[in-house]
Amino acid sequence: MMKNKHLFLFGGSPPFGKHLGRKFADFCCNNKGKVAVLFLERDGWKEYMKKYTSVLETNGLVKFVYLPLSPIPSKSTIEELVSCTGIVIGGGKTELYRDYIVDTDIGKHIKEMYEQGVPVAGFSAGALISPRNCVIPPIDTPKNKHLFLNGLGLISNCVISVHFTKWKEESNLKSALSKTKVSVGYGIDDDVGLYFLNESFSEKEGTGLVTINLEI
């Protein structure tokens, strides 16, 4: 029997919203679950992890593993990842997240787990790398160019824009739609989370969301 696929995409930094946090925790098996947080290591990262876990903890999750990303993940990192019942991909430098996850062993395992029903949540950079088309806006890259790259492929027929209002992303999202030829673009504001069930938009939490459809 096919397992349902669960994807949570957030336009800004953590925490989870209360409703989507509860939903994610339920899919992770609550107090029987274990969640991997994938992140780029930087000063103060240990304290910052509470932002990812706080809402999940209020919904019964007690086990978390923090897996710093690197160009060559260790065997123990892979083993920890595949033992988890939920995956969170953090925010930060989108190009590095993409380099360390997409087209790597980490990415292969994330995709396999997602296909088996393990929920995946992406915050900002984590959201940008999740679709088949990873579109990085000029403001989010040292190259200051609009980048069109391969993404994880957890969702196919859309492009994602994060920090939508703050980064003034409307024209970038429209040009991304035109270039990629997918049918819909989601502009996600900082306080907004989206939930996709089997690659179809199911619900949102928060007050801002822009959807732009490709005009054929």
C-alpha atoms as a PDB file:
ATOM      1  CA  MET A   1       0.000   0.000   0.000  1.00  0.00           C
ATOM      2  CA  MET A   2       1.261   3.475  -0.878  1.00  0.00           C
ATOM      3  CA  LYS A   3       2.222   5.613   2.101  1.00  0.00           C
ATOM      4  CA  ASN A   4       1.030   9.215   2.280  1.00  0.00           C
ATOM      5  CA  LYS A   5       3.764  11.817   1.783  1.00  0.00           C
ATOM      6  CA  HIS A   6       3.868  14.791   4.179  1.00  0.00           C
ATOM      7  CA  LEU A   7       5.747  18.012   3.415  1.00  0.00           C
ATOM      8  CA  PHE A   8       5.770  21.168   5.561  1.00  0.00           C
ATOM      9  CA  LEU A   9       7.292  24.334   4.078  1.00  0.00           C
ATOM     10  CA  PHE A  10       7.868  27.529   6.079  1.00  0.00           C
ATOM     11  CA  GLY A  11       8.611  30.969   4.656  1.00  0.00           C
ATOM     12  CA  GLY A  12      10.816  32.112   7.506  1.00  0.00           C
ATOM     13  CA  SER A  13      12.660  30.950  10.613  1.00  0.00           C
ATOM     14  CA  PRO A  14      11.334  28.489  13.209  1.00  0.00           C
ATOM     15  CA  PRO A  15       9.334  27.761  15.309  1.00  0.00           C
ATOM     16  CA  PHE A  16       6.572  25.632  13.821  1.00  0.00           C
ATOM     17  CA  GLY A  17       3.098  27.128  14.034  1.00  0.00           C
ATOM     18  CA  LYS A  18       0.932  25.519  16.714  1.00  0.00           C
ATOM     19  CA  HIS A  19      -1.378  23.723  14.293  1.00  0.00           C
ATOM     20  CA  LEU A  20       1.223  22.475  11.813  1.00  0.00           C
ATOM     21  CA  GLY A  21       3.591  21.633  14.679  1.00  0.00           C
ATOM     22  CA  ARG A  22       0.935  19.380  16.181  1.00  0.00           C
ATOM     23  CA  LYS A  23       0.301  17.785  12.789  1.00  0.00           C
ATOM     24  CA  PHE A  24       4.015  17.171  12.169  1.00  0.00           C
ATOM     25  CA  ALA A  25       4.444  15.683  15.658  1.00  0.00           C
ATOM     26  CA  ASP A  26       1.473  13.359  15.106  1.00  0.00           C
ATOM     27  CA  PHE A  27       2.988  12.068  11.859  1.00  0.00           C
ATOM     28  CA  CYS A  28       6.291  11.538  13.725  1.00  0.00           C
ATOM     29  CA  CYS A  29       4.538   9.245  16.258  1.00  0.00           C
ATOM     30  CA  ASN A  30       4.755  11.826  19.083  1.00  0.00           C
ATOM     31  CA  ASN A  31       6.487  10.400  22.177  1.00  0.00           C
ATOM     32  CA  LYS A  32       7.552   7.262  20.252  1.00  0.00           C
ATOM     33  CA  GLY A  33       9.170   9.341  17.515  1.00  0.00           C
ATOM     34  CA  LYS A  34      12.630  10.720  16.834  1.00  0.00           C
ATOM     35  CA  VAL A  35      13.277  13.808  14.717  1.00  0.00           C
ATOM     36  CA  ALA A  36      16.463  14.704  12.833  1.00  0.00           C
ATOM     37  CA  VAL A  37      17.317  18.393  12.517  1.00  0.00           C
ATOM     38  CA  LEU A  38      19.705  19.046   9.608  1.00  0.00           C
ATOM     39  CA  PHE A  39      21.532  22.361   9.913  1.00  0.00           C
ATOM     40  CA  LEU A  40      24.680  24.317   9.087  1.00  0.00           C
ATOM     41  CA  GLU A  41      26.902  24.531  12.136  1.00  0.00           C
ATOM     42  CA  ARG A  42      27.628  28.037  13.391  1.00  0.00           C
ATOM     43  CA  ASP A  43      28.206  29.813  16.686  1.00  0.00           C
ATOM     44  CA  GLY A  44      25.245  29.444  19.040  1.00  0.00           C
ATOM     45  CA  TRP A  45      23.667  26.580  17.123  1.00  0.00           C
ATOM     46  CA  LYS A  46      22.903  24.518  20.241  1.00  0.00           C
ATOM     47  CA  GLU A  47      20.767  27.258  21.754  1.00  0.00           C
ATOM     48  CA  TYR A  48      19.061  27.846  18.404  1.00  0.00           C
ATOM     49  CA  MET A  49      17.863  24.237  18.137  1.00  0.00           C
ATOM     50  CA  LYS A  50      15.187  24.967  20.762  1.00  0.00           C
ATOM     51  CA  LYS A  51      13.427  27.101  18.149  1.00  0.00           C
ATOM     52  CA  TYR A  52      12.976  24.015  15.973  1.00  0.00           C
ATOM     53  CA  THR A  53      11.984  21.690  18.795  1.00  0.00           C
ATOM     54  CA  SER A  54       9.873  23.840  21.156  1.00  0.00           C
ATOM     55  CA  VAL A  55       6.452  23.371  19.545  1.00  0.00           C
ATOM     56  CA  LEU A  56       7.176  19.718  18.807  1.00  0.00           C
ATOM     57  CA  GLU A  57       8.077  19.117  22.443  1.00  0.00           C
ATOM     58  CA  THR A  58       4.736  20.539  23.570  1.00  0.00           C
ATOM     59  CA  ASN A  59       3.161  17.857  21.384  1.00  0.00           C
ATOM     60  CA  GLY A  60       5.003  14.986  23.032  1.00  0.00           C
ATOM     61  CA  LEU A  61       8.160  14.585  20.966  1.00  0.00           C
ATOM     62  CA  VAL A  62      11.130  13.944  23.240  1.00  0.00           C
ATOM     63  CA  LYS A  63      13.868  12.539  20.988  1.00  0.00           C
ATOM     64  CA  PHE A  64      15.831  14.803  18.654  1.00  0.00           C
ATOM     65  CA  VAL A  65      19.134  14.308  16.859  1.00  0.00           C
ATOM     66  CA  TYR A  66      21.075  17.302  15.550  1.00  0.00           C
ATOM     67  CA  LEU A  67      22.969  16.516  12.363  1.00  0.00           C
ATOM     68  CA  PRO A  68      25.360  19.235  11.130  1.00  0.00           C
ATOM     69  CA  LEU A  69      25.706  19.158   7.358  1.00  0.00           C
ATOM     70  CA  SER A  70      29.056  18.703   5.658  1.00  0.00           C
ATOM     71  CA  PRO A  71      30.381  17.912   2.164  1.00  0.00           C
ATOM     72  CA  ILE A  72      30.960  14.262   3.130  1.00  0.00           C
ATOM     73  CA  PRO A  73      28.537  13.011   5.801  1.00  0.00           C
ATOM     74  CA  SER A  74      29.811  10.383   8.204  1.00  0.00           C
ATOM     75  CA  LYS A  75      28.399   6.880   8.338  1.00  0.00           C
ATOM     76  CA  SER A  76      27.022   7.604  11.809  1.00  0.00           C
ATOM     77  CA  THR A  77      25.170  10.677  10.480  1.00  0.00           C
ATOM     78  CA  ILE A  78      23.471   8.559   7.810  1.00  0.00           C
ATOM     79  CA  GLU A  79      22.629   5.851  10.363  1.00  0.00           C
ATOM     80  CA  GLU A  80      21.094   8.416  12.715  1.00  0.00           C
ATOM     81  CA  LEU A  81      19.085   9.970   9.889  1.00  0.00           C
ATOM     82  CA  VAL A  82      17.531   6.736   8.655  1.00  0.00           C
ATOM     83  CA  SER A  83      16.483   5.783  12.203  1.00  0.00           C
ATOM     84  CA  CYS A  84      14.277   8.895  12.504  1.00  0.00           C
ATOM     85  CA  THR A  85      10.515   9.268  12.120  1.00  0.00           C
ATOM     86  CA  GLY A  86      10.664  12.941  11.075  1.00  0.00           C
ATOM     87  CA  ILE A  87      13.104  15.291   9.337  1.00  0.00           C
ATOM     88  CA  VAL A  88      13.579  19.046   9.717  1.00  0.00           C
ATOM     89  CA  ILE A  89      15.794  20.944   7.251  1.00  0.00           C
ATOM     90  CA  GLY A  90      16.913  24.255   8.697  1.00  0.00           C
ATOM     91  CA  GLY A  91      17.516  27.710   7.310  1.00  0.00           C
ATOM     92  CA  GLY A  92      20.644  29.656   6.448  1.00  0.00           C
ATOM     93  CA  LYS A  93      22.816  29.698   3.345  1.00  0.00           C
ATOM     94  CA  THR A  94      20.595  28.094   0.730  1.00  0.00           C
ATOM     95  CA  GLU A  95      23.373  27.208  -1.714  1.00  0.00           C
ATOM     96  CA  LEU A  96      25.254  25.308   0.992  1.00  0.00           C
ATOM     97  CA  TYR A  97      22.131  23.435   2.073  1.00  0.00           C
ATOM     98  CA  ARG A  98      21.599  22.491  -1.541  1.00  0.00           C
ATOM     99  CA  ASP A  99      25.230  21.428  -2.060  1.00  0.00           C
ATOM    100  CA  TYR A 100      25.232  19.291   1.095  1.00  0.00           C
ATOM    101  CA  ILE A 101      21.802  17.662   0.573  1.00  0.00           C
ATOM    102  CA  VAL A 102      20.641  17.548  -3.056  1.00  0.00           C
ATOM    103  CA  ASP A 103      22.347  14.847  -5.166  1.00  0.00           C
ATOM    104  CA  THR A 104      24.100  13.395  -2.081  1.00  0.00           C
ATOM    105  CA  ASP A 105      23.585  10.306   0.074  1.00  0.00           C
ATOM    106  CA  ILE A 106      21.775  12.487   2.608  1.00  0.00           C
ATOM    107  CA  GLY A 107      19.341  13.668  -0.066  1.00  0.00           C
ATOM    108  CA  LYS A 108      18.819  10.135  -1.388  1.00  0.00           C
ATOM    109  CA  HIS A 109      17.871   8.898   2.079  1.00  0.00           C
ATOM    110  CA  ILE A 110      15.614  11.890   2.768  1.00  0.00           C
ATOM    111  CA  LYS A 111      13.728  11.215  -0.448  1.00  0.00           C
ATOM    112  CA  GLU A 112      13.409   7.486   0.271  1.00  0.00           C
ATOM    113  CA  MET A 113      12.163   8.165   3.809  1.00  0.00           C
ATOM    114  CA  TYR A 114       9.704  10.792   2.567  1.00  0.00           C
ATOM    115  CA  GLU A 115       8.315   8.298   0.024  1.00  0.00           C
ATOM    116  CA  GLN A 116       7.832   5.877   2.928  1.00  0.00           C
ATOM    117  CA  GLY A 117       5.723   8.378   4.875  1.00  0.00           C
ATOM    118  CA  VAL A 118       8.343  10.117   7.058  1.00  0.00           C
ATOM    119  CA  PRO A 119       7.298  13.795   7.298  1.00  0.00           C
ATOM    120  CA  VAL A 120       9.758  16.439   6.129  1.00  0.00           C
ATOM    121  CA  ALA A 121       9.735  20.102   7.187  1.00  0.00           C
ATOM    122  CA  GLY A 122      11.828  22.834   5.573  1.00  0.00           C
ATOM    123  CA  PHE A 123      12.388  26.321   6.958  1.00  0.00           C
ATOM    124  CA  SER A 124      13.464  29.054   4.509  1.00  0.00           C
ATOM    125  CA  ALA A 125      16.504  27.446   2.817  1.00  0.00           C
ATOM    126  CA  GLY A 126      15.035  24.043   3.653  1.00  0.00           C
ATOM    127  CA  ALA A 127      11.834  25.055   1.849  1.00  0.00           C
ATOM    128  CA  LEU A 128      13.703  26.391  -1.189  1.00  0.00           C
ATOM    129  CA  ILE A 129      15.612  23.165  -1.811  1.00  0.00           C
ATOM    130  CA  SER A 130      12.584  20.867  -1.359  1.00  0.00           C
ATOM    131  CA  PRO A 131      10.891  21.117  -4.803  1.00  0.00           C
ATOM    132  CA  ARG A 132      12.238  19.555  -7.978  1.00  0.00           C
ATOM    133  CA  ASN A 133      13.130  23.084  -9.105  1.00  0.00           C
ATOM    134  CA  CYS A 134      15.265  24.885  -6.523  1.00  0.00           C
ATOM    135  CA  VAL A 135      15.020  28.586  -7.307  1.00  0.00           C
ATOM    136  CA  ILE A 136      17.307  30.858  -5.275  1.00  0.00           C
ATOM    137  CA  PRO A 137      16.657  34.618  -5.568  1.00  0.00           C
ATOM    138  CA  PRO A 138      19.464  37.156  -6.030  1.00  0.00           C
ATOM    139  CA  ILE A 139      19.130  38.435  -2.443  1.00  0.00           C
ATOM    140  CA  ASP A 140      19.941  34.936  -1.138  1.00  0.00           C
ATOM    141  CA  THR A 141      23.189  34.284  -3.001  1.00  0.00           C
ATOM    142  CA  PRO A 142      26.655  35.864  -2.975  1.00  0.00           C
ATOM    143  CA  LYS A 143      26.502  35.808  -6.786  1.00  0.00           C
ATOM    144  CA  ASN A 144      23.506  38.185  -6.635  1.00  0.00           C
ATOM    145  CA  LYS A 145      21.935  36.244  -9.533  1.00  0.00           C
ATOM    146  CA  HIS A 146      18.696  34.343  -9.872  1.00  0.00           C
ATOM    147  CA  LEU A 147      19.757  30.673  -9.667  1.00  0.00           C
ATOM    148  CA  PHE A 148      17.785  27.793 -11.170  1.00  0.00           C
ATOM    149  CA  LEU A 149      19.083  24.489  -9.809  1.00  0.00           C
ATOM    150  CA  ASN A 150      17.972  20.929  -9.197  1.00  0.00           C
ATOM    151  CA  GLY A 151      16.185  20.493  -5.884  1.00  0.00           C
ATOM    152  CA  LEU A 152      15.338  17.482  -3.743  1.00  0.00           C
ATOM    153  CA  GLY A 153      12.215  16.688  -5.741  1.00  0.00           C
ATOM    154  CA  LEU A 154       9.866  16.171  -2.796  1.00  0.00           C
ATOM    155  CA  ILE A 155       7.263  18.132  -4.736  1.00  0.00           C
ATOM    156  CA  SER A 156       7.209  18.524  -8.502  1.00  0.00           C
ATOM    157  CA  ASN A 157       4.852  20.966 -10.108  1.00  0.00           C
ATOM    158  CA  CYS A 158       5.547  24.204  -8.236  1.00  0.00           C
ATOM    159  CA  VAL A 159       8.200  26.733  -7.343  1.00  0.00           C
ATOM    160  CA  ILE A 160       8.650  28.207  -3.888  1.00  0.00           C
ATOM    161  CA  SER A 161       9.576  31.695  -2.776  1.00  0.00           C
ATOM    162  CA  VAL A 162      10.317  32.423   0.909  1.00  0.00           C
ATOM    163  CA  HIS A 163      10.392  35.652   2.951  1.00  0.00           C
ATOM    164  CA  PHE A 164       8.004  36.719   0.200  1.00  0.00           C
ATOM    165  CA  THR A 165       6.963  40.182   1.396  1.00  0.00           C
ATOM    166  CA  LYS A 166      10.199  40.980   3.223  1.00  0.00           C
ATOM    167  CA  TRP A 167      12.340  40.172   0.180  1.00  0.00           C
ATOM    168  CA  LYS A 168       9.865  41.719  -2.331  1.00  0.00           C
ATOM    169  CA  GLU A 169       9.785  38.487  -4.289  1.00  0.00           C
ATOM    170  CA  GLU A 170       6.755  38.877  -6.571  1.00  0.00           C
ATOM    171  CA  SER A 171       8.621  39.622  -9.807  1.00  0.00           C
ATOM    172  CA  ASN A 172      11.206  36.916  -9.042  1.00  0.00           C
ATOM    173  CA  LEU A 173       8.450  34.365  -8.467  1.00  0.00           C
ATOM    174  CA  LYS A 174       6.737  35.289 -11.729  1.00  0.00           C
ATOM    175  CA  SER A 175       9.980  34.994 -13.693  1.00  0.00           C
ATOM    176  CA  ALA A 176      10.716  31.644 -11.982  1.00  0.00           C
ATOM    177  CA  LEU A 177       7.315  30.352 -13.072  1.00  0.00           C
ATOM    178  CA  SER A 178       7.936  31.497 -16.615  1.00  0.00           C
ATOM    179  CA  LYS A 179      11.392  29.903 -16.767  1.00  0.00           C
ATOM    180  CA  THR A 180      10.564  26.574 -15.115  1.00  0.00           C
ATOM    181  CA  LYS A 181       7.153  26.177 -16.806  1.00  0.00           C
ATOM    182  CA  VAL A 182       5.600  24.645 -13.701  1.00  0.00           C
ATOM    183  CA  SER A 183       1.975  25.492 -13.046  1.00  0.00           C
ATOM    184  CA  VAL A 184       2.010  27.295  -9.692  1.00  0.00           C
ATOM    185  CA  GLY A 185       4.288  29.389  -7.518  1.00  0.00           C
ATOM    186  CA  TYR A 186       3.878  29.792  -3.758  1.00  0.00           C
ATOM    187  CA  GLY A 187       5.107  33.011  -2.188  1.00  0.00           C
ATOM    188  CA  ILE A 188       5.411  32.239   1.520  1.00  0.00           C
ATOM    189  CA  ASP A 189       5.701  35.014   4.099  1.00  0.00           C
ATOM    190  CA  ASP A 190       7.843  34.734   7.208  1.00  0.00           C
ATOM    191  CA  ASP A 191       5.046  33.701   9.565  1.00  0.00           C
ATOM    192  CA  VAL A 192       3.420  31.232   7.181  1.00  0.00           C
ATOM    193  CA  GLY A 193       3.657  27.455   6.964  1.00  0.00           C
ATOM    194  CA  LEU A 194       2.206  25.271   4.208  1.00  0.00           C
ATOM    195  CA  TYR A 195       1.332  21.588   4.382  1.00  0.00           C
ATOM    196  CA  PHE A 196       1.371  19.421   1.260  1.00  0.00           C
ATOM    197  CA  LEU A 197      -0.217  15.976   1.254  1.00  0.00           C
ATOM    198  CA  ASN A 198       1.037  13.740  -1.558  1.00  0.00           C
ATOM    199  CA  GLU A 199       2.490  16.786  -3.329  1.00  0.00           C
ATOM    200  CA  SER A 200      -0.830  18.669  -3.301  1.00  0.00           C
ATOM    201  CA  PHE A 201      -1.321  21.847  -1.265  1.00  0.00           C
ATOM    202  CA  SER A 202      -3.583  20.915   1.636  1.00  0.00           C
ATOM    203  CA  GLU A 203      -3.569  23.745   4.189  1.00  0.00           C
ATOM    204  CA  LYS A 204      -1.686  26.710   5.555  1.00  0.00           C
ATOM    205  CA  GLU A 205      -1.060  28.346   8.899  1.00  0.00           C
ATOM    206  CA  GLY A 206      -0.362  32.068   9.209  1.00  0.00           C
ATOM    207  CA  THR A 207      -1.722  35.212   7.637  1.00  0.00           C
ATOM    208  CA  GLY A 208       0.106  35.696   4.330  1.00  0.00           C
ATOM    209  CA  LEU A 209       0.402  33.524   1.226  1.00  0.00           C
ATOM    210  CA  VAL A 210       0.510  34.388  -2.454  1.00  0.00           C
ATOM    211  CA  THR A 211      -0.172  31.808  -5.137  1.00  0.00           C
ATOM    212  CA  ILE A 212       0.601  32.691  -8.725  1.00  0.00           C
ATOM    213  CA  ASN A 213      -0.579  30.405 -11.509  1.00  0.00           C
ATOM    214  CA  LEU A 214       1.161  30.131 -14.838  1.00  0.00           C
ATOM    215  CA  GLU A 215      -1.045  31.511 -17.576  1.00  0.00           C
ATOM    216  CA  ILE A 216      -0.937  29.101 -20.481  1.00  0.00           C
END
